[in-house]
């Protein structure tokens, strides 16, 4: 990393640690840490997904396809359906802090990692999911509940040869410590924003979620 790159990284790092980082900082920050974290899978895959959006092909798209297959196999197998985030909070924290350490910066606390993941979720909303024939079969949406902020996938699944339905499942999650959201039910089912674009911004050193 040359002096100019280090200066830019320091700029985003200060924003992240001081609480002024928001979704508009994601692109520049990811590009800088990708160059330093080439061996860290989530950094490379997430950066490519952010940059290429619906045209992306990689681990995250494979994850969406594999999860789709799990739903399509329901009733035909005895295996329990278990869905985990494509990248865990622990994996994201470890990778990000390793890159920062390699650049002679201190690691950031869980609260700031959560800010980063929340901004990432917002940036990834509304990306189309396409199949091998480039046909749209789903989309990623911003979702929020009383406790969590979620990048939710809604994707077409085949129940049988003649019937199709949509499956909805989480792709990435963060803790919701930003918006006071009333629980929809006792399960805290998240609100899914299908036709609206949510914005994650910073105001007075606090992350703010703007819901249209």
N, C-alpha and C. Protein backbone atom coordinates (compact mmCIF):
# COMPACT_ATOMS: atom_id res chain seq x y z
N UNK A 1 0.85 -1.20 0.00
CA UNK A 1 0.00 0.00 0.00
C UNK A 1 0.89 1.24 0.00
N UNK A 2 0.70 2.12 -1.00
CA UNK A 2 1.52 3.33 -1.04
C UNK A 2 0.95 4.40 -0.10
N UNK A 3 1.66 5.51 -0.05
CA UNK A 3 1.31 6.55 0.92
C UNK A 3 -0.09 7.11 0.67
N UNK A 4 -0.46 7.27 -0.61
CA UNK A 4 -1.78 7.82 -0.92
C UNK A 4 -2.88 6.84 -0.49
N UNK A 5 -2.69 5.57 -0.80
CA UNK A 5 -3.68 4.56 -0.39
C UNK A 5 -3.82 4.53 1.12
N UNK A 6 -2.69 4.61 1.83
CA UNK A 6 -2.73 4.60 3.29
C UNK A 6 -3.51 5.80 3.82
N UNK A 7 -3.31 6.95 3.16
CA UNK A 7 -4.03 8.16 3.56
C UNK A 7 -5.54 7.98 3.38
N UNK A 8 -5.94 7.38 2.26
CA UNK A 8 -7.36 7.13 2.02
C UNK A 8 -7.92 6.13 3.02
N UNK A 9 -7.16 5.07 3.30
CA UNK A 9 -7.61 4.08 4.28
C UNK A 9 -7.76 4.72 5.65
N UNK A 10 -6.83 5.57 6.02
CA UNK A 10 -6.91 6.26 7.31
C UNK A 10 -8.17 7.11 7.40
N UNK A 11 -8.55 7.70 6.26
CA UNK A 11 -9.77 8.52 6.22
C UNK A 11 -11.01 7.66 6.53
N UNK A 12 -11.15 6.54 5.85
CA UNK A 12 -12.29 5.66 6.09
C UNK A 12 -12.23 5.05 7.49
N UNK A 13 -11.04 4.74 7.95
CA UNK A 13 -10.86 4.16 9.29
C UNK A 13 -11.34 5.14 10.36
N UNK A 14 -10.97 6.41 10.21
CA UNK A 14 -11.43 7.43 11.18
C UNK A 14 -12.95 7.52 11.16
N UNK A 15 -13.55 7.49 9.99
CA UNK A 15 -15.00 7.55 9.89
C UNK A 15 -15.65 6.36 10.59
N UNK A 16 -15.05 5.18 10.40
CA UNK A 16 -15.60 3.98 11.01
C UNK A 16 -15.48 4.03 12.53
N UNK A 17 -14.34 4.44 13.03
CA UNK A 17 -14.13 4.45 14.49
C UNK A 17 -14.85 5.62 15.17
N UNK A 18 -15.05 6.70 14.43
CA UNK A 18 -15.70 7.87 15.03
C UNK A 18 -17.22 7.86 14.87
N UNK A 19 -17.74 6.87 14.10
CA UNK A 19 -19.18 6.75 13.96
C UNK A 19 -19.78 7.58 12.86
N UNK A 20 -18.96 8.05 11.91
CA UNK A 20 -19.49 8.85 10.80
C UNK A 20 -19.50 8.07 9.48
N UNK A 21 -19.13 6.81 9.53
CA UNK A 21 -19.13 5.93 8.36
C UNK A 21 -20.57 5.60 7.98
N UNK A 22 -20.90 5.68 6.67
CA UNK A 22 -22.23 5.26 6.24
C UNK A 22 -22.13 4.50 4.92
N UNK A 23 -23.28 4.17 4.32
CA UNK A 23 -23.29 3.30 3.15
C UNK A 23 -22.53 3.89 1.96
N UNK A 24 -22.41 5.21 1.88
CA UNK A 24 -21.73 5.84 0.76
C UNK A 24 -20.21 5.63 0.82
N UNK A 25 -19.72 5.18 1.95
CA UNK A 25 -18.29 4.93 2.12
C UNK A 25 -17.89 3.49 1.77
N UNK A 26 -18.87 2.65 1.52
CA UNK A 26 -18.61 1.22 1.32
C UNK A 26 -17.72 0.95 0.11
N UNK A 27 -18.02 1.57 -1.02
CA UNK A 27 -17.29 1.28 -2.25
C UNK A 27 -15.79 1.54 -2.09
N UNK A 28 -15.45 2.76 -1.67
CA UNK A 28 -14.05 3.12 -1.54
C UNK A 28 -13.32 2.28 -0.51
N UNK A 29 -13.98 2.05 0.61
CA UNK A 29 -13.37 1.27 1.69
C UNK A 29 -13.11 -0.17 1.25
N UNK A 30 -14.08 -0.78 0.60
CA UNK A 30 -13.91 -2.16 0.14
C UNK A 30 -12.77 -2.29 -0.87
N UNK A 31 -12.67 -1.35 -1.79
CA UNK A 31 -11.61 -1.41 -2.79
C UNK A 31 -10.23 -1.34 -2.13
N UNK A 32 -10.10 -0.52 -1.11
CA UNK A 32 -8.82 -0.39 -0.42
C UNK A 32 -8.46 -1.65 0.36
N UNK A 33 -9.43 -2.21 1.09
CA UNK A 33 -9.09 -3.38 1.90
C UNK A 33 -8.97 -4.63 1.03
N UNK A 34 -9.63 -4.64 -0.14
CA UNK A 34 -9.50 -5.80 -1.04
C UNK A 34 -8.06 -5.96 -1.52
N UNK A 35 -7.41 -4.86 -1.81
CA UNK A 35 -6.02 -4.91 -2.28
C UNK A 35 -5.08 -5.45 -1.21
N UNK A 36 -5.47 -5.29 0.07
CA UNK A 36 -4.62 -5.76 1.17
C UNK A 36 -5.05 -7.13 1.69
N UNK A 37 -6.26 -7.56 1.34
CA UNK A 37 -6.78 -8.81 1.90
C UNK A 37 -7.13 -9.82 0.83
N UNK A 38 -6.24 -10.01 -0.12
CA UNK A 38 -6.52 -10.89 -1.25
C UNK A 38 -6.75 -12.34 -0.83
N UNK A 39 -6.20 -12.72 0.33
CA UNK A 39 -6.37 -14.10 0.79
C UNK A 39 -7.61 -14.28 1.66
N UNK A 40 -8.33 -13.19 1.93
CA UNK A 40 -9.51 -13.25 2.79
C UNK A 40 -10.76 -13.35 1.91
N UNK A 41 -11.41 -14.50 1.98
CA UNK A 41 -12.47 -14.83 1.02
C UNK A 41 -13.61 -13.84 1.04
N UNK A 42 -14.12 -13.50 2.21
CA UNK A 42 -15.32 -12.66 2.25
C UNK A 42 -15.05 -11.28 1.67
N UNK A 43 -13.85 -10.74 1.89
CA UNK A 43 -13.54 -9.41 1.36
C UNK A 43 -13.56 -9.42 -0.16
N UNK A 44 -12.95 -10.43 -0.76
CA UNK A 44 -12.92 -10.52 -2.22
C UNK A 44 -14.32 -10.73 -2.80
N UNK A 45 -15.08 -11.64 -2.20
CA UNK A 45 -16.40 -11.96 -2.74
C UNK A 45 -17.39 -10.82 -2.56
N UNK A 46 -17.39 -10.21 -1.38
CA UNK A 46 -18.32 -9.11 -1.13
C UNK A 46 -17.99 -7.91 -2.02
N UNK A 47 -16.71 -7.61 -2.19
CA UNK A 47 -16.33 -6.48 -3.05
C UNK A 47 -16.78 -6.71 -4.49
N UNK A 48 -16.57 -7.92 -5.00
CA UNK A 48 -17.00 -8.23 -6.36
C UNK A 48 -18.52 -8.17 -6.49
N UNK A 49 -19.23 -8.60 -5.46
CA UNK A 49 -20.70 -8.56 -5.49
C UNK A 49 -21.19 -7.12 -5.50
N UNK A 50 -20.58 -6.29 -4.67
CA UNK A 50 -20.96 -4.87 -4.60
C UNK A 50 -20.70 -4.17 -5.93
N UNK A 51 -19.55 -4.46 -6.53
CA UNK A 51 -19.17 -3.78 -7.77
C UNK A 51 -19.97 -4.25 -8.98
N UNK A 52 -20.21 -5.56 -9.06
CA UNK A 52 -20.84 -6.14 -10.25
C UNK A 52 -22.33 -6.40 -10.10
N UNK A 53 -22.82 -6.40 -8.86
CA UNK A 53 -24.23 -6.58 -8.55
C UNK A 53 -24.85 -7.78 -9.29
N UNK A 54 -25.86 -7.57 -10.11
CA UNK A 54 -26.55 -8.70 -10.74
C UNK A 54 -25.69 -9.52 -11.69
N UNK A 55 -24.57 -8.97 -12.14
CA UNK A 55 -23.70 -9.68 -13.06
C UNK A 55 -22.64 -10.51 -12.34
N UNK A 56 -22.64 -10.43 -11.02
CA UNK A 56 -21.63 -11.15 -10.22
C UNK A 56 -21.83 -12.67 -10.29
N UNK A 57 -20.71 -13.39 -10.38
CA UNK A 57 -20.72 -14.84 -10.27
C UNK A 57 -19.61 -15.24 -9.30
N UNK A 58 -19.98 -15.89 -8.22
CA UNK A 58 -18.97 -16.26 -7.23
C UNK A 58 -19.60 -16.98 -6.06
N UNK A 59 -18.89 -16.97 -4.94
CA UNK A 59 -19.29 -17.73 -3.75
C UNK A 59 -20.68 -17.33 -3.25
N UNK A 60 -20.97 -16.04 -3.24
CA UNK A 60 -22.26 -15.60 -2.72
C UNK A 60 -23.42 -16.05 -3.61
N UNK A 61 -23.20 -16.06 -4.92
CA UNK A 61 -24.24 -16.55 -5.82
C UNK A 61 -24.40 -18.06 -5.68
N UNK A 62 -23.29 -18.76 -5.51
CA UNK A 62 -23.35 -20.21 -5.28
C UNK A 62 -24.12 -20.51 -4.00
N UNK A 63 -23.92 -19.70 -2.99
CA UNK A 63 -24.65 -19.85 -1.73
C UNK A 63 -26.16 -19.72 -1.97
N UNK A 64 -26.56 -18.74 -2.77
CA UNK A 64 -27.98 -18.55 -3.07
C UNK A 64 -28.55 -19.74 -3.81
N UNK A 65 -27.80 -20.28 -4.77
CA UNK A 65 -28.25 -21.46 -5.52
C UNK A 65 -28.37 -22.68 -4.60
N UNK A 66 -27.36 -22.87 -3.74
CA UNK A 66 -27.36 -24.03 -2.84
C UNK A 66 -28.51 -23.96 -1.85
N UNK A 67 -28.80 -22.77 -1.36
CA UNK A 67 -29.92 -22.61 -0.42
C UNK A 67 -31.24 -22.85 -1.13
N UNK A 68 -31.34 -22.41 -2.36
CA UNK A 68 -32.52 -22.67 -3.18
C UNK A 68 -32.76 -24.18 -3.30
N UNK A 69 -31.69 -24.93 -3.55
CA UNK A 69 -31.80 -26.39 -3.67
C UNK A 69 -32.27 -27.02 -2.37
N UNK A 70 -31.86 -26.47 -1.24
CA UNK A 70 -32.29 -27.00 0.06
C UNK A 70 -33.81 -26.89 0.19
N UNK A 71 -34.36 -25.75 -0.23
CA UNK A 71 -35.81 -25.57 -0.17
C UNK A 71 -36.52 -26.52 -1.14
N UNK A 72 -35.92 -26.73 -2.31
CA UNK A 72 -36.55 -27.60 -3.30
C UNK A 72 -36.52 -29.06 -2.87
N UNK A 73 -35.61 -29.41 -1.97
CA UNK A 73 -35.51 -30.80 -1.51
C UNK A 73 -36.39 -31.08 -0.29
N UNK A 74 -37.04 -30.05 0.23
CA UNK A 74 -37.93 -30.25 1.38
C UNK A 74 -39.01 -31.28 1.03
N UNK A 75 -39.22 -32.23 1.91
CA UNK A 75 -40.22 -33.26 1.68
C UNK A 75 -39.67 -34.47 0.96
N UNK A 76 -38.49 -34.30 0.33
CA UNK A 76 -37.87 -35.43 -0.36
C UNK A 76 -36.67 -35.99 0.41
N UNK A 77 -36.34 -35.32 1.49
CA UNK A 77 -35.22 -35.76 2.31
C UNK A 77 -35.56 -35.55 3.78
N UNK A 78 -34.93 -36.33 4.62
CA UNK A 78 -35.17 -36.21 6.07
C UNK A 78 -34.26 -35.19 6.73
N UNK A 79 -33.35 -34.66 5.96
CA UNK A 79 -32.40 -33.69 6.51
C UNK A 79 -33.11 -32.41 6.95
N UNK A 80 -32.73 -31.91 8.11
CA UNK A 80 -33.31 -30.66 8.62
C UNK A 80 -32.80 -29.48 7.81
N UNK A 81 -33.67 -28.51 7.62
CA UNK A 81 -33.29 -27.31 6.86
C UNK A 81 -32.59 -26.33 7.80
N UNK A 82 -31.32 -26.12 7.55
CA UNK A 82 -30.54 -25.20 8.38
C UNK A 82 -29.88 -24.16 7.48
N UNK A 83 -30.17 -22.90 7.75
CA UNK A 83 -29.63 -21.82 6.92
C UNK A 83 -28.81 -20.88 7.79
N UNK A 84 -27.58 -20.67 7.39
CA UNK A 84 -26.68 -19.76 8.09
C UNK A 84 -26.28 -18.63 7.14
N UNK A 85 -25.81 -17.52 7.70
CA UNK A 85 -25.35 -16.41 6.88
C UNK A 85 -24.24 -16.88 5.94
N UNK A 86 -24.16 -16.27 4.78
CA UNK A 86 -23.12 -16.62 3.82
C UNK A 86 -21.74 -16.37 4.42
N UNK A 87 -21.59 -15.31 5.21
CA UNK A 87 -20.39 -15.04 5.99
C UNK A 87 -20.82 -14.64 7.39
N UNK A 88 -20.26 -15.30 8.39
CA UNK A 88 -20.65 -15.03 9.78
C UNK A 88 -20.05 -13.71 10.26
N UNK A 89 -20.64 -13.17 11.30
CA UNK A 89 -20.12 -11.94 11.91
C UNK A 89 -18.69 -12.16 12.37
N UNK A 90 -18.42 -13.33 12.93
CA UNK A 90 -17.08 -13.66 13.42
C UNK A 90 -16.07 -13.65 12.28
N UNK A 91 -16.44 -14.21 11.14
CA UNK A 91 -15.55 -14.25 9.98
C UNK A 91 -15.28 -12.85 9.43
N UNK A 92 -16.33 -12.03 9.37
CA UNK A 92 -16.17 -10.66 8.88
C UNK A 92 -15.28 -9.86 9.83
N UNK A 93 -15.51 -10.00 11.13
CA UNK A 93 -14.70 -9.27 12.11
C UNK A 93 -13.22 -9.67 12.03
N UNK A 94 -12.96 -10.98 11.97
CA UNK A 94 -11.58 -11.46 11.93
C UNK A 94 -10.86 -10.98 10.68
N UNK A 95 -11.52 -11.06 9.52
CA UNK A 95 -10.90 -10.64 8.27
C UNK A 95 -10.63 -9.15 8.21
N UNK A 96 -11.61 -8.36 8.66
CA UNK A 96 -11.45 -6.91 8.62
C UNK A 96 -10.34 -6.46 9.56
N UNK A 97 -10.32 -7.00 10.76
CA UNK A 97 -9.31 -6.59 11.72
C UNK A 97 -7.91 -7.07 11.33
N UNK A 98 -7.82 -8.19 10.60
CA UNK A 98 -6.52 -8.64 10.11
C UNK A 98 -5.96 -7.66 9.10
N UNK A 99 -6.80 -7.22 8.16
CA UNK A 99 -6.37 -6.26 7.16
C UNK A 99 -5.93 -4.96 7.83
N UNK A 100 -6.71 -4.50 8.80
CA UNK A 100 -6.36 -3.26 9.50
C UNK A 100 -5.03 -3.41 10.23
N UNK A 101 -4.82 -4.56 10.87
CA UNK A 101 -3.56 -4.80 11.57
C UNK A 101 -2.38 -4.80 10.59
N UNK A 102 -2.59 -5.41 9.42
CA UNK A 102 -1.54 -5.44 8.40
C UNK A 102 -1.20 -4.04 7.90
N UNK A 103 -2.15 -3.11 8.06
CA UNK A 103 -1.94 -1.72 7.64
C UNK A 103 -1.58 -0.84 8.84
N UNK A 104 -1.20 -1.49 9.94
CA UNK A 104 -0.74 -0.79 11.16
C UNK A 104 -1.83 0.05 11.81
N UNK A 105 -3.06 -0.48 11.75
CA UNK A 105 -4.20 0.16 12.41
C UNK A 105 -4.78 -0.80 13.43
N UNK A 106 -5.30 -0.26 14.51
CA UNK A 106 -5.90 -1.10 15.55
C UNK A 106 -7.22 -1.69 15.06
N UNK A 107 -7.52 -2.89 15.54
CA UNK A 107 -8.80 -3.50 15.21
C UNK A 107 -9.95 -2.69 15.76
N UNK A 108 -11.12 -2.85 15.17
CA UNK A 108 -12.30 -2.10 15.62
C UNK A 108 -13.23 -3.01 16.42
N UNK A 109 -13.97 -2.40 17.32
CA UNK A 109 -14.86 -3.13 18.22
C UNK A 109 -16.06 -3.69 17.48
N UNK A 110 -16.74 -4.63 18.14
CA UNK A 110 -17.92 -5.29 17.54
C UNK A 110 -18.98 -4.29 17.09
N UNK A 111 -19.16 -3.22 17.86
CA UNK A 111 -20.17 -2.22 17.53
C UNK A 111 -19.89 -1.60 16.16
N UNK A 112 -18.62 -1.32 15.87
CA UNK A 112 -18.26 -0.70 14.60
C UNK A 112 -18.32 -1.72 13.46
N UNK A 113 -17.99 -2.97 13.75
CA UNK A 113 -18.15 -4.03 12.75
C UNK A 113 -19.63 -4.15 12.38
N UNK A 114 -20.49 -4.05 13.38
CA UNK A 114 -21.93 -4.11 13.13
C UNK A 114 -22.39 -2.94 12.25
N UNK A 115 -21.81 -1.74 12.48
CA UNK A 115 -22.11 -0.59 11.61
C UNK A 115 -21.75 -0.92 10.17
N UNK A 116 -20.56 -1.49 9.99
CA UNK A 116 -20.06 -1.81 8.65
C UNK A 116 -20.99 -2.82 7.96
N UNK A 117 -21.39 -3.87 8.67
CA UNK A 117 -22.26 -4.89 8.09
C UNK A 117 -23.63 -4.30 7.75
N UNK A 118 -24.13 -3.41 8.59
CA UNK A 118 -25.41 -2.75 8.32
C UNK A 118 -25.33 -1.93 7.03
N UNK A 119 -24.25 -1.19 6.85
CA UNK A 119 -24.06 -0.41 5.61
C UNK A 119 -23.95 -1.34 4.41
N UNK A 120 -23.27 -2.46 4.59
CA UNK A 120 -23.11 -3.43 3.51
C UNK A 120 -24.46 -4.02 3.10
N UNK A 121 -25.28 -4.35 4.08
CA UNK A 121 -26.62 -4.88 3.80
C UNK A 121 -27.42 -3.87 2.97
N UNK A 122 -27.32 -2.60 3.33
CA UNK A 122 -28.06 -1.58 2.60
C UNK A 122 -27.59 -1.48 1.15
N UNK A 123 -26.27 -1.53 0.94
CA UNK A 123 -25.72 -1.42 -0.41
C UNK A 123 -26.15 -2.60 -1.29
N UNK A 124 -26.31 -3.78 -0.69
CA UNK A 124 -26.63 -4.98 -1.46
C UNK A 124 -28.13 -5.17 -1.73
N UNK A 125 -28.96 -4.31 -1.17
CA UNK A 125 -30.40 -4.46 -1.41
C UNK A 125 -30.75 -4.20 -2.86
N UNK A 126 -31.80 -4.86 -3.33
CA UNK A 126 -32.37 -4.70 -4.67
C UNK A 126 -31.53 -5.33 -5.79
N UNK A 127 -30.52 -6.12 -5.45
CA UNK A 127 -29.75 -6.82 -6.49
C UNK A 127 -30.58 -8.01 -6.99
N UNK A 128 -30.66 -8.15 -8.30
CA UNK A 128 -31.41 -9.25 -8.89
C UNK A 128 -30.60 -10.55 -8.80
N UNK A 129 -31.32 -11.66 -8.60
CA UNK A 129 -30.72 -12.99 -8.62
C UNK A 129 -31.16 -13.66 -9.91
N UNK A 130 -30.19 -14.08 -10.72
CA UNK A 130 -30.52 -14.71 -12.00
C UNK A 130 -30.03 -16.16 -12.02
N UNK A 131 -30.65 -16.96 -12.87
CA UNK A 131 -30.22 -18.35 -13.01
C UNK A 131 -29.15 -18.48 -14.10
N UNK A 132 -28.82 -19.72 -14.43
CA UNK A 132 -27.76 -19.98 -15.42
C UNK A 132 -28.10 -19.43 -16.80
N UNK A 133 -29.40 -19.20 -17.06
CA UNK A 133 -29.84 -18.67 -18.36
C UNK A 133 -30.09 -17.17 -18.30
N UNK A 134 -29.62 -16.54 -17.23
CA UNK A 134 -29.75 -15.10 -17.04
C UNK A 134 -31.21 -14.66 -16.86
N UNK A 135 -32.05 -15.56 -16.40
CA UNK A 135 -33.45 -15.24 -16.09
C UNK A 135 -33.56 -14.85 -14.61
N UNK A 136 -34.25 -13.76 -14.35
CA UNK A 136 -34.38 -13.34 -12.96
C UNK A 136 -35.27 -14.31 -12.18
N UNK A 137 -34.73 -14.81 -11.08
CA UNK A 137 -35.47 -15.77 -10.25
C UNK A 137 -35.64 -15.26 -8.82
N UNK A 138 -35.14 -14.07 -8.57
CA UNK A 138 -35.27 -13.53 -7.22
C UNK A 138 -34.57 -12.20 -7.06
N UNK A 139 -34.53 -11.74 -5.82
CA UNK A 139 -33.92 -10.44 -5.54
C UNK A 139 -33.52 -10.39 -4.07
N UNK A 140 -32.57 -9.50 -3.76
CA UNK A 140 -32.15 -9.27 -2.38
C UNK A 140 -32.85 -8.02 -1.85
N UNK A 141 -33.32 -8.09 -0.62
CA UNK A 141 -34.06 -6.98 -0.02
C UNK A 141 -33.51 -6.63 1.36
N UNK A 142 -33.71 -5.38 1.73
CA UNK A 142 -33.41 -4.91 3.08
C UNK A 142 -34.58 -5.32 3.98
N UNK A 143 -34.27 -5.90 5.13
CA UNK A 143 -35.32 -6.28 6.08
C UNK A 143 -34.87 -5.87 7.48
N UNK A 144 -35.84 -5.56 8.32
CA UNK A 144 -35.51 -5.14 9.68
C UNK A 144 -36.57 -5.63 10.65
N UNK A 145 -36.11 -6.07 11.80
CA UNK A 145 -37.00 -6.47 12.89
C UNK A 145 -36.60 -5.69 14.13
N UNK A 146 -37.23 -5.99 15.22
CA UNK A 146 -36.90 -5.30 16.47
C UNK A 146 -35.44 -5.54 16.87
N UNK A 147 -34.92 -6.73 16.56
CA UNK A 147 -33.58 -7.10 17.02
C UNK A 147 -32.53 -7.15 15.92
N UNK A 148 -32.95 -7.32 14.66
CA UNK A 148 -31.97 -7.57 13.61
C UNK A 148 -32.20 -6.73 12.36
N UNK A 149 -31.11 -6.50 11.63
CA UNK A 149 -31.13 -5.94 10.29
C UNK A 149 -30.64 -7.05 9.37
N UNK A 150 -31.37 -7.30 8.30
CA UNK A 150 -31.13 -8.52 7.52
C UNK A 150 -31.09 -8.21 6.03
N UNK A 151 -30.11 -8.81 5.35
CA UNK A 151 -30.16 -8.86 3.89
C UNK A 151 -30.92 -10.13 3.55
N UNK A 152 -32.12 -9.96 3.04
CA UNK A 152 -33.02 -11.10 2.82
C UNK A 152 -33.11 -11.43 1.32
N UNK A 153 -33.03 -12.71 1.03
CA UNK A 153 -33.21 -13.17 -0.35
C UNK A 153 -34.61 -13.72 -0.53
N UNK A 154 -35.24 -13.32 -1.61
CA UNK A 154 -36.50 -13.95 -2.02
C UNK A 154 -36.23 -14.59 -3.37
N UNK A 155 -36.42 -15.91 -3.46
CA UNK A 155 -36.01 -16.63 -4.65
C UNK A 155 -37.04 -17.70 -5.03
N UNK A 156 -37.21 -17.86 -6.32
CA UNK A 156 -38.17 -18.83 -6.85
C UNK A 156 -37.66 -20.26 -6.62
N UNK A 157 -38.54 -21.12 -6.10
CA UNK A 157 -38.18 -22.54 -5.92
C UNK A 157 -39.29 -23.41 -6.54
N UNK A 158 -38.88 -24.55 -7.06
CA UNK A 158 -39.83 -25.49 -7.66
C UNK A 158 -40.26 -26.50 -6.62
N UNK A 159 -41.57 -26.56 -6.35
CA UNK A 159 -42.11 -27.56 -5.43
C UNK A 159 -42.24 -28.91 -6.12
N UNK A 160 -42.60 -28.84 -7.38
CA UNK A 160 -42.66 -30.05 -8.22
C UNK A 160 -42.56 -29.59 -9.68
N UNK A 161 -42.84 -30.49 -10.59
CA UNK A 161 -42.69 -30.18 -12.01
C UNK A 161 -43.61 -29.07 -12.48
N UNK A 162 -44.75 -28.93 -11.78
CA UNK A 162 -45.78 -27.99 -12.26
C UNK A 162 -45.98 -26.78 -11.35
N UNK A 163 -45.43 -26.82 -10.15
CA UNK A 163 -45.74 -25.76 -9.18
C UNK A 163 -44.47 -25.11 -8.65
N UNK A 164 -44.49 -23.77 -8.64
CA UNK A 164 -43.37 -23.01 -8.09
C UNK A 164 -43.87 -22.06 -7.00
N UNK A 165 -42.98 -21.74 -6.08
CA UNK A 165 -43.30 -20.78 -5.03
C UNK A 165 -42.05 -19.97 -4.74
N UNK A 166 -42.14 -19.03 -3.82
CA UNK A 166 -40.97 -18.23 -3.44
C UNK A 166 -40.52 -18.58 -2.03
N UNK A 167 -39.23 -18.69 -1.84
CA UNK A 167 -38.64 -18.91 -0.52
C UNK A 167 -37.93 -17.62 -0.10
N UNK A 168 -38.02 -17.31 1.18
CA UNK A 168 -37.37 -16.11 1.73
C UNK A 168 -36.42 -16.56 2.84
N UNK A 169 -35.16 -16.09 2.77
CA UNK A 169 -34.19 -16.51 3.78
C UNK A 169 -33.11 -15.44 3.96
N UNK A 170 -32.46 -15.40 5.13
CA UNK A 170 -31.42 -14.40 5.40
C UNK A 170 -30.10 -14.75 4.74
N UNK A 171 -29.40 -13.71 4.30
CA UNK A 171 -28.08 -13.87 3.68
C UNK A 171 -26.99 -13.29 4.58
N UNK A 172 -27.25 -12.11 5.12
CA UNK A 172 -26.36 -11.46 6.08
C UNK A 172 -27.21 -10.83 7.17
N UNK A 173 -26.71 -10.79 8.39
CA UNK A 173 -27.46 -10.17 9.48
C UNK A 173 -26.57 -9.29 10.35
N UNK A 174 -27.19 -8.28 10.93
CA UNK A 174 -26.52 -7.41 11.89
C UNK A 174 -27.51 -7.14 13.02
N UNK A 175 -27.01 -6.71 14.16
CA UNK A 175 -27.88 -6.36 15.27
C UNK A 175 -28.54 -5.01 14.99
N UNK A 176 -29.80 -4.88 15.34
CA UNK A 176 -30.50 -3.61 15.18
C UNK A 176 -30.41 -2.82 16.49
N UNK A 177 -29.47 -1.91 16.51
CA UNK A 177 -29.35 -1.00 17.67
C UNK A 177 -29.56 0.43 17.21
N UNK A 178 -30.25 0.60 16.07
CA UNK A 178 -30.38 1.91 15.45
C UNK A 178 -31.82 2.41 15.33
N UNK A 179 -32.75 1.51 15.14
CA UNK A 179 -34.14 1.92 14.91
C UNK A 179 -35.07 1.17 15.87
N UNK A 180 -35.99 1.91 16.43
CA UNK A 180 -36.98 1.33 17.34
C UNK A 180 -38.13 0.77 16.50
N UNK A 181 -38.10 -0.54 16.30
CA UNK A 181 -39.07 -1.20 15.44
C UNK A 181 -40.03 -2.03 16.28
N UNK A 182 -41.32 -1.79 16.08
CA UNK A 182 -42.33 -2.56 16.80
C UNK A 182 -42.38 -3.99 16.26
N UNK A 183 -42.42 -4.95 17.15
CA UNK A 183 -42.50 -6.35 16.72
C UNK A 183 -43.81 -6.61 15.99
N UNK A 184 -43.72 -7.31 14.86
CA UNK A 184 -44.93 -7.67 14.12
C UNK A 184 -45.70 -8.76 14.83
N UNK A 185 -44.96 -9.66 15.46
CA UNK A 185 -45.57 -10.81 16.14
C UNK A 185 -44.58 -11.33 17.18
N UNK A 186 -44.95 -12.43 17.84
CA UNK A 186 -44.09 -12.95 18.91
C UNK A 186 -42.80 -13.56 18.36
N UNK A 187 -42.75 -13.80 17.05
CA UNK A 187 -41.54 -14.33 16.43
C UNK A 187 -40.61 -13.22 15.96
N UNK A 188 -41.04 -11.97 16.10
CA UNK A 188 -40.29 -10.81 15.62
C UNK A 188 -39.98 -10.95 14.12
N UNK A 189 -41.01 -11.31 13.37
CA UNK A 189 -40.87 -11.44 11.91
C UNK A 189 -40.45 -10.10 11.32
N UNK A 190 -39.39 -10.09 10.51
CA UNK A 190 -38.89 -8.81 9.98
C UNK A 190 -39.81 -8.18 8.95
N UNK A 191 -39.74 -6.86 8.87
CA UNK A 191 -40.41 -6.10 7.82
C UNK A 191 -39.51 -6.17 6.59
N UNK A 192 -40.09 -6.52 5.45
CA UNK A 192 -39.33 -6.70 4.22
C UNK A 192 -39.66 -5.56 3.26
N UNK A 193 -38.64 -4.85 2.80
CA UNK A 193 -38.86 -3.70 1.92
C UNK A 193 -38.62 -4.12 0.48
N UNK A 194 -39.71 -4.50 -0.17
CA UNK A 194 -39.65 -5.02 -1.53
C UNK A 194 -39.64 -3.90 -2.55
N UNK A 195 -40.48 -2.91 -2.36
CA UNK A 195 -40.64 -1.83 -3.33
C UNK A 195 -40.06 -0.50 -2.87
N UNK A 196 -39.38 -0.51 -1.74
CA UNK A 196 -38.79 0.72 -1.21
C UNK A 196 -37.29 0.51 -0.97
N UNK A 197 -36.54 1.58 -1.13
CA UNK A 197 -35.09 1.53 -0.92
C UNK A 197 -34.76 2.22 0.40
N UNK A 198 -34.17 1.46 1.29
CA UNK A 198 -33.77 1.98 2.60
C UNK A 198 -32.38 2.59 2.49
N UNK A 199 -32.14 3.66 3.22
CA UNK A 199 -30.81 4.30 3.22
C UNK A 199 -30.22 4.25 4.62
N UNK A 200 -28.93 3.95 4.70
CA UNK A 200 -28.21 3.95 5.97
C UNK A 200 -27.22 5.10 5.93
N UNK A 201 -27.43 6.08 6.79
CA UNK A 201 -26.59 7.26 6.79
C UNK A 201 -26.09 7.55 8.21
N UNK A 202 -25.29 8.58 8.35
CA UNK A 202 -24.73 8.93 9.65
C UNK A 202 -25.16 10.34 10.02
N UNK A 203 -25.58 10.50 11.26
CA UNK A 203 -26.00 11.80 11.74
C UNK A 203 -25.52 11.97 13.19
N UNK A 204 -24.73 13.00 13.40
CA UNK A 204 -24.20 13.29 14.74
C UNK A 204 -23.49 12.09 15.33
N UNK A 205 -22.64 11.45 14.47
CA UNK A 205 -21.81 10.32 14.87
C UNK A 205 -22.64 9.09 15.28
N UNK A 206 -23.83 9.01 14.75
CA UNK A 206 -24.69 7.85 14.99
C UNK A 206 -25.25 7.35 13.67
N UNK A 207 -25.34 6.04 13.54
CA UNK A 207 -25.90 5.46 12.33
C UNK A 207 -27.41 5.62 12.35
N UNK A 208 -27.96 6.02 11.22
CA UNK A 208 -29.40 6.26 11.13
C UNK A 208 -29.97 5.50 9.94
N UNK A 209 -31.07 4.83 10.15
CA UNK A 209 -31.72 4.08 9.07
C UNK A 209 -32.93 4.87 8.60
N UNK A 210 -32.89 5.26 7.34
CA UNK A 210 -33.97 6.06 6.77
C UNK A 210 -34.88 5.14 5.97
N UNK A 211 -36.10 4.98 6.46
CA UNK A 211 -37.09 4.13 5.82
C UNK A 211 -38.14 5.02 5.15
N UNK A 212 -38.30 4.88 3.83
CA UNK A 212 -39.25 5.74 3.11
C UNK A 212 -40.68 5.58 3.64
